[in-house]
Amino acid sequence: MSMLIKLNRSISRQLTIQFRQIRQFSKVDEGEAKIVSVLKEKFPLAKDIQVSDISGGCGSMYHILIESKEFSGIRKVKQHMMVNAALKTEIQAMHGLRIETFVPEE
């Protein structure tokens, strides 16, 4: 793996840790809980699933982070397509979606 890819993964993981720390202190709303539920069903091997309403509370845009072995060996674009497919019904009511996917380090 090239040094640039390792650095990019390192930065992404640091941001993920910060995201998790922030989320510890905020309440999960109904829309977030629904999305987490769907993603847990579609990605049963997921080590971590986090969903945050980034629309200011109206539920029109979400940030989704998934860390799962199911993404192993799959290009990032295909990983994001898998998440979009899993949320096909829920996406219809959304304005936007920010997706981050990771394969767990072993």
C-alpha atoms as a PDB file:
ATOM      1  CA  MET A   1       0.000   0.000   0.000  1.00  0.00           C
ATOM      2  CA  SER A   2       1.417   3.375  -0.943  1.00  0.00           C
ATOM      3  CA  MET A   3       2.333   5.917   1.700  1.00  0.00           C
ATOM      4  CA  LEU A   4      -0.319   8.349   0.406  1.00  0.00           C
ATOM      5  CA  ILE A   5      -3.093   5.767   0.778  1.00  0.00           C
ATOM      6  CA  LYS A   6      -1.909   4.916   4.301  1.00  0.00           C
ATOM      7  CA  LEU A   7      -1.875   8.611   5.225  1.00  0.00           C
ATOM      8  CA  ASN A   8      -5.367   9.121   3.793  1.00  0.00           C
ATOM      9  CA  ARG A   9      -6.714   6.146   5.767  1.00  0.00           C
ATOM     10  CA  SER A  10      -5.026   7.434   8.908  1.00  0.00           C
ATOM     11  CA  ILE A  11      -6.614  10.870   8.545  1.00  0.00           C
ATOM     12  CA  SER A  12     -10.035   9.328   7.812  1.00  0.00           C
ATOM     13  CA  ARG A  13      -9.786   7.115  10.891  1.00  0.00           C
ATOM     14  CA  GLN A  14      -8.828  10.099  13.080  1.00  0.00           C
ATOM     15  CA  LEU A  15     -11.849  12.017  11.831  1.00  0.00           C
ATOM     16  CA  THR A  16     -14.004   8.964  12.471  1.00  0.00           C
ATOM     17  CA  ILE A  17     -12.790   8.803  16.071  1.00  0.00           C
ATOM     18  CA  GLN A  18     -13.600  12.498  16.540  1.00  0.00           C
ATOM     19  CA  PHE A  19     -17.056  11.942  15.006  1.00  0.00           C
ATOM     20  CA  ARG A  20     -17.697   9.094  17.463  1.00  0.00           C
ATOM     21  CA  GLN A  21     -16.655  11.240  20.419  1.00  0.00           C
ATOM     22  CA  ILE A  22     -18.998  14.039  19.394  1.00  0.00           C
ATOM     23  CA  ARG A  23     -21.889  11.603  18.849  1.00  0.00           C
ATOM     24  CA  GLN A  24     -21.539  10.216  22.387  1.00  0.00           C
ATOM     25  CA  PHE A  25     -23.117  13.358  23.784  1.00  0.00           C
ATOM     26  CA  SER A  26     -25.968  13.861  21.354  1.00  0.00           C
ATOM     27  CA  LYS A  27     -29.305  12.127  21.240  1.00  0.00           C
ATOM     28  CA  VAL A  28     -30.111   9.806  18.318  1.00  0.00           C
ATOM     29  CA  ASP A  29     -33.313  10.866  16.589  1.00  0.00           C
ATOM     30  CA  GLU A  30     -35.944   8.638  14.987  1.00  0.00           C
ATOM     31  CA  GLY A  31     -34.596   9.056  11.436  1.00  0.00           C
ATOM     32  CA  GLU A  32     -31.053   8.159  12.510  1.00  0.00           C
ATOM     33  CA  ALA A  33     -32.300   5.119  14.416  1.00  0.00           C
ATOM     34  CA  LYS A  34     -34.292   3.904  11.393  1.00  0.00           C
ATOM     35  CA  ILE A  35     -31.270   4.188   9.096  1.00  0.00           C
ATOM     36  CA  VAL A  36     -29.019   2.396  11.596  1.00  0.00           C
ATOM     37  CA  SER A  37     -31.586  -0.395  11.864  1.00  0.00           C
ATOM     38  CA  VAL A  38     -31.752  -0.864   8.082  1.00  0.00           C
ATOM     39  CA  LEU A  39     -27.968  -0.808   7.739  1.00  0.00           C
ATOM     40  CA  LYS A  40     -27.477  -3.341  10.555  1.00  0.00           C
ATOM     41  CA  GLU A  41     -29.858  -5.669   8.751  1.00  0.00           C
ATOM     42  CA  LYS A  42     -28.147  -5.217   5.366  1.00  0.00           C
ATOM     43  CA  PHE A  43     -24.575  -5.317   6.728  1.00  0.00           C
ATOM     44  CA  PRO A  44     -24.619  -7.920   9.529  1.00  0.00           C
ATOM     45  CA  LEU A  45     -20.803  -8.119   9.646  1.00  0.00           C
ATOM     46  CA  ALA A  46     -20.445  -4.383  10.304  1.00  0.00           C
ATOM     47  CA  LYS A  47     -18.092  -3.572  13.143  1.00  0.00           C
ATOM     48  CA  ASP A  48     -19.399  -0.011  13.374  1.00  0.00           C
ATOM     49  CA  ILE A  49     -22.385   1.886  11.951  1.00  0.00           C
ATOM     50  CA  GLN A  50     -22.913   5.549  12.727  1.00  0.00           C
ATOM     51  CA  VAL A  51     -25.565   7.877  11.364  1.00  0.00           C
ATOM     52  CA  SER A  52     -25.861  11.593  11.995  1.00  0.00           C
ATOM     53  CA  ASP A  53     -28.522  14.028  10.793  1.00  0.00           C
ATOM     54  CA  ILE A  54     -26.455  16.905   9.378  1.00  0.00           C
ATOM     55  CA  SER A  55     -29.440  18.872   8.064  1.00  0.00           C
ATOM     56  CA  GLY A  56     -30.034  20.708  11.302  1.00  0.00           C
ATOM     57  CA  GLY A  57     -32.608  18.227  12.530  1.00  0.00           C
ATOM     58  CA  CYS A  58     -35.093  18.081   9.655  1.00  0.00           C
ATOM     59  CA  GLY A  59     -33.878  14.700   8.379  1.00  0.00           C
ATOM     60  CA  SER A  60     -33.072  15.779   4.837  1.00  0.00           C
ATOM     61  CA  MET A  61     -29.328  15.011   4.916  1.00  0.00           C
ATOM     62  CA  TYR A  62     -27.319  12.384   6.773  1.00  0.00           C
ATOM     63  CA  HIS A  63     -23.694  11.469   7.331  1.00  0.00           C
ATOM     64  CA  ILE A  64     -23.258   7.692   7.376  1.00  0.00           C
ATOM     65  CA  LEU A  65     -20.163   5.823   8.474  1.00  0.00           C
ATOM     66  CA  ILE A  66     -19.908   2.045   8.114  1.00  0.00           C
ATOM     67  CA  GLU A  67     -16.944  -0.166   8.937  1.00  0.00           C
ATOM     68  CA  SER A  68     -17.536  -3.686   7.663  1.00  0.00           C
ATOM     69  CA  LYS A  69     -15.690  -6.746   6.361  1.00  0.00           C
ATOM     70  CA  GLU A  70     -18.365  -6.913   3.670  1.00  0.00           C
ATOM     71  CA  PHE A  71     -16.502  -4.102   1.874  1.00  0.00           C
ATOM     72  CA  SER A  72     -13.245  -6.067   1.685  1.00  0.00           C
ATOM     73  CA  GLY A  73     -11.857  -6.171  -1.845  1.00  0.00           C
ATOM     74  CA  ILE A  74     -14.604  -3.892  -3.201  1.00  0.00           C
ATOM     75  CA  ARG A  75     -13.854  -0.502  -4.735  1.00  0.00           C
ATOM     76  CA  LYS A  76     -15.025   2.554  -2.781  1.00  0.00           C
ATOM     77  CA  VAL A  77     -17.584   3.525  -5.439  1.00  0.00           C
ATOM     78  CA  LYS A  78     -19.161   0.054  -5.289  1.00  0.00           C
ATOM     79  CA  GLN A  79     -19.177   0.204  -1.456  1.00  0.00           C
ATOM     80  CA  HIS A  80     -21.142   3.458  -1.609  1.00  0.00           C
ATOM     81  CA  MET A  81     -23.498   1.948  -4.178  1.00  0.00           C
ATOM     82  CA  MET A  82     -24.137  -0.927  -1.756  1.00  0.00           C
ATOM     83  CA  VAL A  83     -25.090   1.564   0.978  1.00  0.00           C
ATOM     84  CA  ASN A  84     -27.336   3.493  -1.416  1.00  0.00           C
ATOM     85  CA  ALA A  85     -29.045   0.254  -2.466  1.00  0.00           C
ATOM     86  CA  ALA A  86     -29.585  -0.732   1.165  1.00  0.00           C
ATOM     87  CA  LEU A  87     -31.261   2.626   1.836  1.00  0.00           C
ATOM     88  CA  LYS A  88     -33.242   2.791  -1.418  1.00  0.00           C
ATOM     89  CA  THR A  89     -36.559   3.477   0.322  1.00  0.00           C
ATOM     90  CA  GLU A  90     -35.174   5.909   2.909  1.00  0.00           C
ATOM     91  CA  ILE A  91     -33.206   7.930   0.332  1.00  0.00           C
ATOM     92  CA  GLN A  92     -36.400   8.959  -1.441  1.00  0.00           C
ATOM     93  CA  ALA A  93     -37.195  11.382   1.388  1.00  0.00           C
ATOM     94  CA  MET A  94     -33.653  12.798   1.632  1.00  0.00           C
ATOM     95  CA  HIS A  95     -31.952  15.760   0.023  1.00  0.00           C
ATOM     96  CA  GLY A  96     -28.436  14.353   0.390  1.00  0.00           C
ATOM     97  CA  LEU A  97     -26.245  11.680   1.870  1.00  0.00           C
ATOM     98  CA  ARG A  98     -22.564  11.696   2.864  1.00  0.00           C
ATOM     99  CA  ILE A  99     -21.134   8.165   3.038  1.00  0.00           C
ATOM    100  CA  GLU A 100     -17.864   6.930   4.506  1.00  0.00           C
ATOM    101  CA  THR A 101     -17.040   3.244   4.274  1.00  0.00           C
ATOM    102  CA  PHE A 102     -14.107   1.362   5.759  1.00  0.00           C
ATOM    103  CA  VAL A 103     -12.802  -2.176   5.950  1.00  0.00           C
ATOM    104  CA  PRO A 104     -11.745  -3.032   9.543  1.00  0.00           C
ATOM    105  CA  GLU A 105      -8.022  -3.288  10.090  1.00  0.00           C
ATOM    106  CA  GLU A 106      -6.916  -6.699  11.227  1.00  0.00           C
END
